């Protein structure tokens, strides 16, 4: 009969010495770090408050632009819609 050979002893080390553990743990740690940085940024720089009369101010700006005699200042709608259009292609 054949004799069974004894299995070699397996020594396991501490968990932090295995690279696969750090590969698995690094993803959630990166997400937690990004969440903390985002929260810090949000709390540090709050959004500005919009003025109560924002619509009236916009209408006043449009009236001012329409009333100017300078042809290089187009009305707000035309200027907004053609802001990226080359000068030679802008409507007159």
C-alpha atoms as a PDB file:
ATOM      1  CA  UNK A   1       0.000   0.000   0.000  1.00  0.00           C
ATOM      2  CA  UNK A   2       0.981   3.571  -0.577  1.00  0.00           C
ATOM      3  CA  UNK A   3       1.688   5.830   2.293  1.00  0.00           C
ATOM      4  CA  UNK A   4       0.017   9.226   2.401  1.00  0.00           C
ATOM      5  CA  UNK A   5       2.433  12.095   2.598  1.00  0.00           C
ATOM      6  CA  UNK A   6       1.698  14.730   5.233  1.00  0.00           C
ATOM      7  CA  UNK A   7       0.494  18.074   3.917  1.00  0.00           C
ATOM      8  CA  UNK A   8       2.856  20.982   4.492  1.00  0.00           C
ATOM      9  CA  UNK A   9       1.775  23.411   7.171  1.00  0.00           C
ATOM     10  CA  UNK A  10       0.288  26.643   5.903  1.00  0.00           C
ATOM     11  CA  UNK A  11       1.240  29.697   7.840  1.00  0.00           C
ATOM     12  CA  UNK A  12      -1.067  32.620   7.277  1.00  0.00           C
ATOM     13  CA  UNK A  13       0.235  36.065   8.013  1.00  0.00           C
ATOM     14  CA  UNK A  14      -1.631  39.134   9.155  1.00  0.00           C
ATOM     15  CA  UNK A  15      -4.371  40.379   6.834  1.00  0.00           C
ATOM     16  CA  UNK A  16      -2.653  43.673   5.999  1.00  0.00           C
ATOM     17  CA  UNK A  17       0.239  41.885   4.327  1.00  0.00           C
ATOM     18  CA  UNK A  18      -1.945  40.603   1.480  1.00  0.00           C
ATOM     19  CA  UNK A  19      -2.168  42.831  -1.598  1.00  0.00           C
ATOM     20  CA  UNK A  20      -5.624  41.612  -2.589  1.00  0.00           C
ATOM     21  CA  UNK A  21      -7.053  42.906   0.673  1.00  0.00           C
ATOM     22  CA  UNK A  22      -5.802  46.403  -0.119  1.00  0.00           C
ATOM     23  CA  UNK A  23      -7.119  46.114  -3.663  1.00  0.00           C
ATOM     24  CA  UNK A  24     -10.596  45.321  -2.340  1.00  0.00           C
ATOM     25  CA  UNK A  25     -10.533  47.866   0.495  1.00  0.00           C
ATOM     26  CA  UNK A  26      -9.140  50.748  -1.579  1.00  0.00           C
ATOM     27  CA  UNK A  27     -12.335  51.209  -3.634  1.00  0.00           C
ATOM     28  CA  UNK A  28     -14.703  51.856  -0.714  1.00  0.00           C
ATOM     29  CA  UNK A  29     -12.050  53.946   1.055  1.00  0.00           C
ATOM     30  CA  UNK A  30     -11.701  56.155  -2.029  1.00  0.00           C
ATOM     31  CA  UNK A  31     -15.475  56.660  -2.162  1.00  0.00           C
ATOM     32  CA  UNK A  32     -15.618  57.579   1.530  1.00  0.00           C
ATOM     33  CA  UNK A  33     -12.745  60.042   1.097  1.00  0.00           C
ATOM     34  CA  UNK A  34     -14.433  61.624  -1.925  1.00  0.00           C
ATOM     35  CA  UNK A  35     -17.692  61.955   0.030  1.00  0.00           C
ATOM     36  CA  UNK A  36     -15.933  63.654   2.942  1.00  0.00           C
ATOM     37  CA  UNK A  37     -14.130  66.086   0.618  1.00  0.00           C
ATOM     38  CA  UNK A  38     -17.403  66.853  -1.194  1.00  0.00           C
ATOM     39  CA  UNK A  39     -19.234  67.456   2.090  1.00  0.00           C
ATOM     40  CA  UNK A  40     -16.428  69.740   3.288  1.00  0.00           C
ATOM     41  CA  UNK A  41     -16.579  71.691   0.021  1.00  0.00           C
ATOM     42  CA  UNK A  42     -20.370  72.021   0.204  1.00  0.00           C
ATOM     43  CA  UNK A  43     -20.332  73.258   3.784  1.00  0.00           C
ATOM     44  CA  UNK A  44     -17.435  75.647   3.127  1.00  0.00           C
ATOM     45  CA  UNK A  45     -18.917  77.412   0.083  1.00  0.00           C
ATOM     46  CA  UNK A  46     -22.723  77.746   0.250  1.00  0.00           C
ATOM     47  CA  UNK A  47     -24.694  78.695  -2.848  1.00  0.00           C
ATOM     48  CA  UNK A  48     -25.422  82.411  -3.247  1.00  0.00           C
ATOM     49  CA  UNK A  49     -28.966  83.562  -2.603  1.00  0.00           C
ATOM     50  CA  UNK A  50     -30.872  84.762  -5.645  1.00  0.00           C
ATOM     51  CA  UNK A  51     -32.319  88.234  -5.333  1.00  0.00           C
ATOM     52  CA  UNK A  52     -36.065  88.414  -4.738  1.00  0.00           C
ATOM     53  CA  UNK A  53     -36.526  90.696  -7.752  1.00  0.00           C
ATOM     54  CA  UNK A  54     -34.333  88.792 -10.218  1.00  0.00           C
ATOM     55  CA  UNK A  55     -36.969  88.879 -12.963  1.00  0.00           C
ATOM     56  CA  UNK A  56     -37.454  92.657 -12.758  1.00  0.00           C
ATOM     57  CA  UNK A  57     -33.680  93.146 -12.894  1.00  0.00           C
ATOM     58  CA  UNK A  58     -33.482  91.000 -16.044  1.00  0.00           C
ATOM     59  CA  UNK A  59     -36.272  92.960 -17.712  1.00  0.00           C
ATOM     60  CA  UNK A  60     -34.500  96.215 -16.831  1.00  0.00           C
ATOM     61  CA  UNK A  61     -31.254  94.938 -18.358  1.00  0.00           C
ATOM     62  CA  UNK A  62     -33.088  93.960 -21.570  1.00  0.00           C
ATOM     63  CA  UNK A  63     -34.694  97.436 -21.750  1.00  0.00           C
ATOM     64  CA  UNK A  64     -31.308  99.087 -21.232  1.00  0.00           C
ATOM     65  CA  UNK A  65     -29.775  97.042 -24.033  1.00  0.00           C
ATOM     66  CA  UNK A  66     -32.688  97.816 -26.373  1.00  0.00           C
ATOM     67  CA  UNK A  67     -32.503 101.541 -25.605  1.00  0.00           C
ATOM     68  CA  UNK A  68     -28.800 101.950 -26.343  1.00  0.00           C
ATOM     69  CA  UNK A  69     -27.900 103.508 -29.652  1.00  0.00           C
ATOM     70  CA  UNK A  70     -24.650 101.485 -29.831  1.00  0.00           C
ATOM     71  CA  UNK A  71     -25.182  98.807 -32.540  1.00  0.00           C
ATOM     72  CA  UNK A  72     -22.347  96.668 -31.160  1.00  0.00           C
ATOM     73  CA  UNK A  73     -24.482  95.820 -28.118  1.00  0.00           C
ATOM     74  CA  UNK A  74     -27.170  93.431 -29.384  1.00  0.00           C
ATOM     75  CA  UNK A  75     -30.358  92.746 -27.426  1.00  0.00           C
ATOM     76  CA  UNK A  76     -30.022  90.091 -24.766  1.00  0.00           C
ATOM     77  CA  UNK A  77     -31.767  87.309 -26.691  1.00  0.00           C
ATOM     78  CA  UNK A  78     -29.837  87.894 -29.910  1.00  0.00           C
ATOM     79  CA  UNK A  79     -26.563  88.212 -28.015  1.00  0.00           C
ATOM     80  CA  UNK A  80     -27.182  85.076 -25.981  1.00  0.00           C
ATOM     81  CA  UNK A  81     -28.191  82.986 -29.005  1.00  0.00           C
ATOM     82  CA  UNK A  82     -25.237  84.101 -31.094  1.00  0.00           C
ATOM     83  CA  UNK A  83     -22.503  84.409 -28.485  1.00  0.00           C
ATOM     84  CA  UNK A  84     -20.352  81.743 -30.165  1.00  0.00           C
ATOM     85  CA  UNK A  85     -21.181  82.740 -33.762  1.00  0.00           C
ATOM     86  CA  UNK A  86     -18.313  84.343 -35.678  1.00  0.00           C
ATOM     87  CA  UNK A  87     -18.694  88.091 -36.244  1.00  0.00           C
ATOM     88  CA  UNK A  88     -19.113  87.821 -40.015  1.00  0.00           C
ATOM     89  CA  UNK A  89     -21.979  85.318 -39.627  1.00  0.00           C
ATOM     90  CA  UNK A  90     -24.011  87.256 -37.032  1.00  0.00           C
ATOM     91  CA  UNK A  91     -27.382  88.612 -38.128  1.00  0.00           C
ATOM     92  CA  UNK A  92     -27.607  92.368 -38.598  1.00  0.00           C
END
